[in-house]
């Protein structure tokens, strides 16, 4: 087959799928705004397109997000037209439609089958809105309308989508009923031969400190340190954790921007806000055992979870982080929030321990329980890795699922454009 991949940050979720499709003998082309010049990557022909146009000053704020998607969609449309003019006719188009790019591709290739990576549908009911009472909606009525508007991109894509793929059951469940018979749940997969235990792992903190498995290391990871991923809850537990664990080192990974949720007050960062909140209750010698590493290369991140004696993962009801499954694959002993995305992959007392998202005291207690019980840590960690190997392994489970999904997509009758 001729397969076209669309991702604004290619390869993104197609990192493993794209080369595997090439190895199967398919002609694979990626259309992306990430590159400036055509190039070849593992047999994939990467074709650039340029985003044209600019956001309108003074536009209604509820339309600003959608206008950005329209700009990407029309720019990608022009790139697709140029590709078509060169004779390329894809049988299948696979797209992460979250940025809007694939909105008009059926207008270029009406006979192609369009398969979408369906990450999340925005819902206006609890727990998706006002989950955290500390950060309530300023105007619940208007926020409901605004969030509904965020689904314009989803809704327009549903009209032309032939099939969809969601990485978890939780994420798939956010989509309306009329999507469900076209959705397949298949995770991107974890390379369990890379994310694996390493008794000799070392994590260099600075020139004076390198941590190993012999140290008591507590880890916490966010893409960006913010409330959506429970950073505030973890920080509020920190004074008591450090008080009770006299030798523990706490390693925190994440940037100080915003990936999800609301922005902090102007001129501030969530990271610093919660440092300032708890710093006065932590003596300097204890604070010196807290290490903020920012964003790090993957190898450093891998060493971090491999030296971890206890790993904390917290999240709102939202997209599940890859870091949880990779930490499980590395045999981390985990304390996590009992929110719905987590409960899909973690079982209390079998593959980890769970606490109420908001309960910092319970988090501290269960963390100490893990740190005091080596046998419990070993059992939970080994069970967690086995679970990931049996359900989320890249090579034996997830990649074959994705390849079959593409194969099945190519056999569908193309869904016509709806005026």
Protein backbone atom coordinates (compact mmCIF):
# COMPACT_ATOMS: atom_id res chain seq x y z
CA UNK A 1 0.00 0.00 0.00
CA UNK A 2 0.87 3.67 -0.28
CA UNK A 3 0.61 5.17 3.18
CA UNK A 4 0.65 8.84 4.14
CA UNK A 5 1.44 9.83 7.74
CA UNK A 6 0.48 13.22 9.16
CA UNK A 7 1.98 14.54 12.38
CA UNK A 8 3.04 18.10 13.16
CA UNK A 9 5.95 16.75 15.21
CA UNK A 10 6.77 13.69 13.12
CA UNK A 11 7.43 10.91 13.94
CA UNK A 12 5.53 11.42 17.23
CA UNK A 13 3.29 8.42 17.82
CA UNK A 14 4.49 6.91 14.52
CA UNK A 15 8.07 6.49 15.72
CA UNK A 16 7.89 2.70 15.64
CA UNK A 17 4.98 2.17 13.27
CA UNK A 18 6.44 4.09 10.32
CA UNK A 19 9.68 2.05 9.98
CA UNK A 20 7.74 -1.18 10.55
CA UNK A 21 5.41 -0.32 7.67
CA UNK A 22 8.44 0.29 5.44
CA UNK A 23 9.86 -3.09 6.45
CA UNK A 24 6.57 -4.70 5.40
CA UNK A 25 7.13 -3.32 1.92
CA UNK A 26 4.73 -0.37 1.96
CA UNK A 27 5.58 2.99 0.43
CA UNK A 28 5.46 5.39 3.37
CA UNK A 29 5.42 9.17 3.08
CA UNK A 30 5.18 11.66 5.94
CA UNK A 31 3.87 15.19 5.45
CA UNK A 32 4.94 17.50 8.25
CA UNK A 33 5.70 21.12 9.08
CA UNK A 34 8.58 20.02 11.31
CA UNK A 35 11.22 19.93 8.56
CA UNK A 36 12.24 22.50 5.96
CA UNK A 37 13.68 20.20 3.31
CA UNK A 38 12.68 16.74 2.02
CA UNK A 39 14.57 13.92 3.69
CA UNK A 40 14.58 10.19 4.24
CA UNK A 41 14.22 8.63 7.68
CA UNK A 42 14.41 4.85 8.04
CA UNK A 43 12.89 4.44 4.58
CA UNK A 44 10.15 7.02 5.15
CA UNK A 45 10.07 9.92 2.68
CA UNK A 46 9.53 13.06 4.75
CA UNK A 47 7.96 15.93 2.81
CA UNK A 48 7.75 19.41 4.34
CA UNK A 49 4.88 21.83 4.12
CA UNK A 50 4.93 25.42 5.30
CA UNK A 51 2.34 26.88 7.64
CA UNK A 52 0.96 29.99 6.01
CA UNK A 53 -1.12 32.72 7.59
CA UNK A 54 -1.21 34.19 11.07
CA UNK A 55 -3.68 34.38 13.92
CA UNK A 56 -6.18 37.22 13.81
CA UNK A 57 -5.69 39.93 16.39
CA UNK A 58 -8.73 40.48 18.55
CA UNK A 59 -10.45 37.25 17.52
CA UNK A 60 -12.91 35.77 20.02
CA UNK A 61 -10.79 33.72 22.46
CA UNK A 62 -12.97 30.65 21.98
CA UNK A 63 -12.13 30.72 18.27
CA UNK A 64 -8.40 31.36 18.64
CA UNK A 65 -7.59 27.68 19.14
CA UNK A 66 -9.73 26.61 16.19
CA UNK A 67 -8.28 29.31 13.94
CA UNK A 68 -4.81 27.89 14.60
CA UNK A 69 -6.08 24.47 13.54
CA UNK A 70 -7.62 25.94 10.38
CA UNK A 71 -4.30 27.56 9.49
CA UNK A 72 -2.56 24.21 9.86
CA UNK A 73 -5.34 22.40 7.99
CA UNK A 74 -5.27 24.73 4.99
CA UNK A 75 -1.47 24.72 4.92
CA UNK A 76 -1.37 20.92 5.03
CA UNK A 77 -4.06 20.87 2.34
CA UNK A 78 -1.80 22.91 0.06
CA UNK A 79 1.08 20.55 0.81
CA UNK A 80 -1.15 17.59 0.00
CA UNK A 81 -2.25 19.15 -3.28
CA UNK A 82 1.40 19.60 -4.27
CA UNK A 83 2.09 15.96 -3.35
CA UNK A 84 -0.91 14.83 -5.41
CA UNK A 85 0.32 16.86 -8.38
CA UNK A 86 3.49 14.75 -8.31
CA UNK A 87 1.38 11.62 -8.67
CA UNK A 88 1.16 10.38 -5.08
CA UNK A 89 -2.17 8.67 -4.32
CA UNK A 90 -2.28 7.14 -0.82
CA UNK A 91 -4.43 4.13 -0.06
CA UNK A 92 -4.32 4.99 3.64
CA UNK A 93 -3.78 8.21 5.57
CA UNK A 94 -2.85 7.94 9.24
CA UNK A 95 -3.00 11.22 11.14
CA UNK A 96 -2.79 12.64 14.62
CA UNK A 97 -5.57 15.15 14.06
CA UNK A 98 -5.10 17.06 17.31
CA UNK A 99 -3.57 20.05 15.52
CA UNK A 100 -6.14 20.09 12.72
CA UNK A 101 -3.80 19.25 9.85
CA UNK A 102 -5.78 16.37 8.38
CA UNK A 103 -9.13 18.20 8.28
CA UNK A 104 -9.27 18.61 4.48
CA UNK A 105 -7.19 15.68 3.24
CA UNK A 106 -10.24 13.72 2.09
CA UNK A 107 -10.94 16.63 -0.24
CA UNK A 108 -7.57 15.93 -1.88
CA UNK A 109 -7.83 12.13 -1.82
CA UNK A 110 -11.52 11.12 -1.43
CA UNK A 111 -10.71 7.45 -2.07
CA UNK A 112 -8.11 7.20 0.69
CA UNK A 113 -9.01 5.67 4.04
CA UNK A 114 -8.41 8.10 6.91
CA UNK A 115 -7.31 6.63 10.24
CA UNK A 116 -7.01 9.00 13.20
CA UNK A 117 -5.02 8.88 16.41
CA UNK A 118 -7.82 9.75 18.83
CA UNK A 119 -6.12 11.09 21.92
CA UNK A 120 -8.96 12.79 23.82
CA UNK A 121 -12.43 14.23 23.46
CA UNK A 122 -13.02 17.22 25.70
CA UNK A 123 -15.87 16.67 28.15
CA UNK A 124 -17.68 19.22 30.29
CA UNK A 125 -18.88 16.97 33.11
CA UNK A 126 -17.09 16.02 36.30
CA UNK A 127 -14.39 14.80 36.74
CA UNK A 128 -13.21 16.37 33.50
CA UNK A 129 -14.02 19.88 34.60
CA UNK A 130 -13.57 21.15 38.17
CA UNK A 131 -11.87 17.93 39.27
CA UNK A 132 -9.55 19.89 41.53
CA UNK A 133 -11.49 22.21 43.89
CA UNK A 134 -8.34 24.26 44.48
CA UNK A 135 -8.48 25.46 40.88
CA UNK A 136 -12.21 25.89 40.20
CA UNK A 137 -13.64 27.18 36.99
CA UNK A 138 -14.02 30.94 37.16
CA UNK A 139 -17.26 30.68 35.23
CA UNK A 140 -18.57 27.14 34.93
CA UNK A 141 -21.29 28.09 32.44
CA UNK A 142 -19.00 29.83 29.97
CA UNK A 143 -16.25 27.24 30.48
CA UNK A 144 -18.70 24.53 29.46
CA UNK A 145 -19.37 26.40 26.24
CA UNK A 146 -15.68 27.06 25.64
CA UNK A 147 -14.73 23.41 26.12
CA UNK A 148 -17.49 22.34 23.77
CA UNK A 149 -15.99 24.66 21.16
CA UNK A 150 -12.63 22.88 21.59
CA UNK A 151 -14.27 19.82 20.07
CA UNK A 152 -14.94 21.51 16.72
CA UNK A 153 -11.79 19.89 15.37
CA UNK A 154 -12.82 16.47 16.69
CA UNK A 155 -16.32 16.80 15.26
CA UNK A 156 -15.23 17.82 11.78
CA UNK A 157 -12.77 14.94 11.68
CA UNK A 158 -15.41 12.43 12.82
CA UNK A 159 -17.36 13.14 9.64
CA UNK A 160 -14.53 11.86 7.44
CA UNK A 161 -12.79 9.38 9.74
CA UNK A 162 -12.82 5.80 8.55
CA UNK A 163 -11.27 4.39 11.72
CA UNK A 164 -9.70 5.65 14.93
CA UNK A 165 -7.08 4.46 17.36
CA UNK A 166 -6.94 5.34 21.06
CA UNK A 167 -4.05 4.33 23.35
CA UNK A 168 -6.20 3.50 26.40
CA UNK A 169 -9.77 2.48 27.17
CA UNK A 170 -10.14 5.60 29.29
CA UNK A 171 -9.19 7.89 26.41
CA UNK A 172 -11.43 6.02 23.98
CA UNK A 173 -14.34 6.31 26.42
CA UNK A 174 -14.25 10.11 26.26
CA UNK A 175 -15.41 10.02 22.63
CA UNK A 176 -19.16 10.08 21.84
CA UNK A 177 -21.11 6.91 21.11
CA UNK A 178 -21.13 7.50 17.35
CA UNK A 179 -17.34 7.18 17.32
CA UNK A 180 -17.15 3.95 19.27
CA UNK A 181 -17.76 1.39 16.53
CA UNK A 182 -14.84 2.89 14.59
CA UNK A 183 -12.41 3.04 17.53
CA UNK A 184 -9.74 0.48 18.38
CA UNK A 185 -7.83 0.62 21.67
CA UNK A 186 -4.13 -0.09 21.18
CA UNK A 187 -1.36 1.57 23.15
CA UNK A 188 1.76 2.96 21.46
CA UNK A 189 3.77 0.37 23.39
CA UNK A 190 6.72 0.23 25.74
CA UNK A 191 10.10 -1.09 24.66
CA UNK A 192 10.57 -3.38 27.63
CA UNK A 193 14.08 -4.28 26.50
CA UNK A 194 15.07 -0.64 26.98
CA UNK A 195 12.90 0.32 29.95
CA UNK A 196 14.08 -2.49 32.17
CA UNK A 197 15.73 -2.96 35.58
CA UNK A 198 19.42 -2.19 35.79
CA UNK A 199 21.11 -2.94 39.13
CA UNK A 200 24.19 -1.02 37.98
CA UNK A 201 22.33 2.15 36.98
CA UNK A 202 23.80 5.48 38.03
CA UNK A 203 22.18 8.90 38.01
CA UNK A 204 24.54 11.84 38.07
CA UNK A 205 22.93 14.75 39.92
CA UNK A 206 25.97 17.01 39.87
CA UNK A 207 29.76 16.81 40.10
CA UNK A 208 29.53 15.92 43.79
CA UNK A 209 26.61 13.49 43.79
CA UNK A 210 25.80 10.34 41.82
CA UNK A 211 22.89 8.17 42.95
CA UNK A 212 22.72 4.39 42.59
CA UNK A 213 20.44 1.53 43.62
CA UNK A 214 22.16 1.58 47.02
CA UNK A 215 20.61 4.99 47.75
CA UNK A 216 17.07 5.66 48.90
CA UNK A 217 15.76 7.53 45.85
CA UNK A 218 12.20 8.83 45.49
CA UNK A 219 11.29 9.94 41.97
CA UNK A 220 8.58 12.16 40.50
CA UNK A 221 8.22 12.93 36.78
CA UNK A 222 6.10 15.41 34.80
CA UNK A 223 6.62 16.82 31.32
CA UNK A 224 5.98 20.14 33.05
CA UNK A 225 5.54 20.54 36.79
CA UNK A 226 1.91 21.57 37.17
CA UNK A 227 -1.31 20.70 39.05
CA UNK A 228 -2.73 18.52 36.23
CA UNK A 229 -0.06 15.96 37.09
CA UNK A 230 -0.29 16.41 40.86
CA UNK A 231 2.87 18.43 41.37
CA UNK A 232 1.19 20.52 44.08
CA UNK A 233 0.07 17.41 45.96
CA UNK A 234 3.55 15.90 45.85
CA UNK A 235 5.22 19.11 46.99
CA UNK A 236 2.87 19.41 49.97
CA UNK A 237 3.85 15.91 51.02
CA UNK A 238 7.54 16.74 50.73
CA UNK A 239 8.18 18.30 54.19
CA UNK A 240 6.88 15.21 55.98
CA UNK A 241 8.56 12.82 53.52
CA UNK A 242 11.95 14.44 54.14
CA UNK A 243 11.34 14.52 57.90
CA UNK A 244 10.55 10.80 58.05
CA UNK A 245 13.14 9.68 55.48
CA UNK A 246 16.39 11.07 56.81
CA UNK A 247 18.54 9.61 54.03
CA UNK A 248 16.20 9.87 51.07
CA UNK A 249 17.00 11.83 47.95
CA UNK A 250 14.00 13.19 46.06
CA UNK A 251 14.59 13.56 42.31
CA UNK A 252 12.04 15.63 40.38
CA UNK A 253 12.00 15.79 36.60
CA UNK A 254 10.01 18.29 34.55
CA UNK A 255 9.94 21.72 32.97
CA UNK A 256 8.41 24.89 34.34
CA UNK A 257 6.01 25.59 31.49
CA UNK A 258 2.37 24.45 31.12
CA UNK A 259 1.38 21.35 29.17
CA UNK A 260 -2.20 21.06 30.39
CA UNK A 261 -4.68 23.04 32.39
CA UNK A 262 -4.58 26.67 33.39
CA UNK A 263 -1.56 28.94 33.40
CA UNK A 264 -0.12 30.21 36.70
CA UNK A 265 -0.50 33.86 37.68
CA UNK A 266 1.35 36.17 35.32
CA UNK A 267 5.10 36.20 35.83
CA UNK A 268 5.12 33.02 37.94
CA UNK A 269 5.56 29.30 37.39
CA UNK A 270 3.73 26.44 39.07
CA UNK A 271 7.11 24.96 39.93
CA UNK A 272 8.21 27.98 41.94
CA UNK A 273 4.79 28.66 43.46
CA UNK A 274 4.79 25.33 45.28
CA UNK A 275 8.48 25.47 46.13
CA UNK A 276 7.77 28.77 47.86
CA UNK A 277 4.76 27.26 49.64
CA UNK A 278 6.70 24.45 51.33
CA UNK A 279 10.29 25.71 51.48
CA UNK A 280 9.84 27.38 54.88
CA UNK A 281 8.90 24.03 56.43
CA UNK A 282 11.97 22.21 55.12
CA UNK A 283 15.36 22.76 56.82
CA UNK A 284 18.20 23.52 54.41
CA UNK A 285 20.05 20.20 55.01
CA UNK A 286 16.85 18.38 54.05
CA UNK A 287 16.21 20.67 51.09
CA UNK A 288 19.67 19.81 49.80
CA UNK A 289 18.36 16.28 49.27
CA UNK A 290 15.75 17.56 46.78
CA UNK A 291 17.00 17.66 43.19
CA UNK A 292 15.11 19.42 40.39
CA UNK A 293 16.56 18.15 37.11
CA UNK A 294 14.37 20.01 34.62
CA UNK A 295 14.04 18.26 31.27
CA UNK A 296 16.68 15.67 30.54
CA UNK A 297 17.76 13.35 27.69
CA UNK A 298 16.03 9.98 27.53
CA UNK A 299 19.11 8.11 28.80
CA UNK A 300 19.15 10.28 31.93
CA UNK A 301 15.43 9.76 32.43
CA UNK A 302 15.94 6.02 32.05
CA UNK A 303 18.70 6.03 34.67
CA UNK A 304 16.39 7.97 36.95
CA UNK A 305 13.66 5.34 36.95
CA UNK A 306 16.24 2.56 37.19
CA UNK A 307 17.73 3.93 40.42
CA UNK A 308 14.31 4.76 41.86
CA UNK A 309 13.41 2.96 45.06
CA UNK A 310 9.88 4.40 45.04
CA UNK A 311 8.21 6.30 42.21
CA UNK A 312 5.24 8.66 42.60
CA UNK A 313 2.75 9.23 39.78
CA UNK A 314 -0.25 11.53 40.12
CA UNK A 315 -2.69 12.72 37.49
CA UNK A 316 -6.08 14.28 36.94
CA UNK A 317 -8.49 12.13 34.86
CA UNK A 318 -6.61 12.75 31.64
CA UNK A 319 -4.24 11.20 29.11
CA UNK A 320 -2.05 8.58 30.76
CA UNK A 321 1.67 9.44 30.81
CA UNK A 322 4.11 7.09 29.10
CA UNK A 323 6.35 7.55 32.14
CA UNK A 324 4.05 5.44 34.32
CA UNK A 325 4.19 2.40 32.05
CA UNK A 326 7.92 2.81 31.48
CA UNK A 327 8.49 3.05 35.23
CA UNK A 328 6.45 -0.11 35.68
CA UNK A 329 8.53 -1.79 32.98
CA UNK A 330 11.70 -0.79 34.88
CA UNK A 331 10.30 -2.57 37.98
CA UNK A 332 9.69 0.62 39.94
CA UNK A 333 7.70 0.30 43.14
CA UNK A 334 4.92 2.82 42.52
CA UNK A 335 2.55 4.95 44.56
CA UNK A 336 -0.04 6.52 42.26
CA UNK A 337 -3.30 8.40 42.37
CA UNK A 338 -6.36 6.19 42.14
CA UNK A 339 -7.76 8.17 39.23
CA UNK A 340 -9.43 6.38 36.34
CA UNK A 341 -6.53 6.41 33.83
CA UNK A 342 -4.24 4.91 36.47
CA UNK A 343 -6.69 2.21 37.51
CA UNK A 344 -6.67 0.92 33.95
CA UNK A 345 -3.01 -0.13 34.22
CA UNK A 346 -2.28 -0.37 37.96
CA UNK A 347 -3.88 -2.76 40.43
CA UNK A 348 -3.82 -1.88 44.12
CA UNK A 349 -1.63 -4.22 46.11
CA UNK A 350 -0.56 -6.21 43.03
CA UNK A 351 1.37 -3.88 40.74
CA UNK A 352 1.49 -0.77 42.91
CA UNK A 353 -0.13 1.20 45.70
CA UNK A 354 -2.81 3.83 45.14
CA UNK A 355 -3.96 6.86 47.11
CA UNK A 356 -6.60 9.53 46.77
CA UNK A 357 -5.20 12.19 44.45
CA UNK A 358 -5.69 14.99 47.00
CA UNK A 359 -4.44 13.20 50.13
CA UNK A 360 -0.83 14.26 50.74
CA UNK A 361 -0.79 12.53 54.13
CA UNK A 362 -1.85 9.20 52.65
CA UNK A 363 0.75 9.66 49.94
CA UNK A 364 3.45 10.09 52.56
CA UNK A 365 2.27 7.09 54.57
CA UNK A 366 2.11 4.72 51.61
CA UNK A 367 5.43 5.95 50.29
CA UNK A 368 7.03 5.19 53.65
CA UNK A 369 5.35 1.79 53.67
CA UNK A 370 7.09 0.99 50.39
CA UNK A 371 10.44 2.31 51.50
CA UNK A 372 10.31 0.26 54.72
CA UNK A 373 9.40 -3.01 53.01
CA UNK A 374 11.94 -4.35 50.53
CA UNK A 375 9.95 -7.53 49.89
CA UNK A 376 6.85 -5.51 49.04
CA UNK A 377 8.81 -3.29 46.67
CA UNK A 378 10.30 -6.32 44.94
CA UNK A 379 6.93 -8.03 44.53
CA UNK A 380 5.13 -4.95 43.24
CA UNK A 381 7.96 -4.05 40.87
CA UNK A 382 8.26 -7.52 39.40
CA UNK A 383 4.48 -7.78 38.99
CA UNK A 384 4.38 -4.36 37.33
CA UNK A 385 7.03 -5.32 34.79
CA UNK A 386 5.29 -8.62 34.02
CA UNK A 387 2.00 -6.77 33.49
CA UNK A 388 3.60 -4.36 31.02
CA UNK A 389 5.39 -7.17 29.19
CA UNK A 390 2.14 -9.11 28.83
CA UNK A 391 -0.08 -6.17 27.84
CA UNK A 392 1.98 -3.23 26.55
CA UNK A 393 5.20 -4.65 25.12
CA UNK A 394 6.09 -2.79 21.94
CA UNK A 395 7.41 -5.64 19.81
CA UNK A 396 5.14 -8.51 20.82
CA UNK A 397 1.83 -6.77 21.61
CA UNK A 398 1.37 -3.15 20.56
CA UNK A 399 3.25 -2.83 17.28
CA UNK A 400 1.52 -5.93 15.83
CA UNK A 401 -1.83 -4.41 16.90
CA UNK A 402 -1.00 -1.15 15.10
CA UNK A 403 0.17 -2.94 11.97
CA UNK A 404 -3.04 -4.98 11.84
CA UNK A 405 -5.07 -1.82 12.37
CA UNK A 406 -3.42 -0.21 9.32
CA UNK A 407 -3.95 -3.37 7.30
CA UNK A 408 -7.64 -3.47 8.25
CA UNK A 409 -7.96 0.25 7.55
CA UNK A 410 -6.79 -0.35 3.99
CA UNK A 411 -9.65 -2.81 3.44
CA UNK A 412 -12.44 -0.40 4.42
CA UNK A 413 -14.77 1.34 2.01
CA UNK A 414 -13.74 5.01 2.17
CA UNK A 415 -16.14 7.21 4.08
CA UNK A 416 -17.47 9.99 1.82
CA UNK A 417 -17.12 13.69 2.62
CA UNK A 418 -20.22 15.19 4.24
CA UNK A 419 -21.23 18.67 3.10
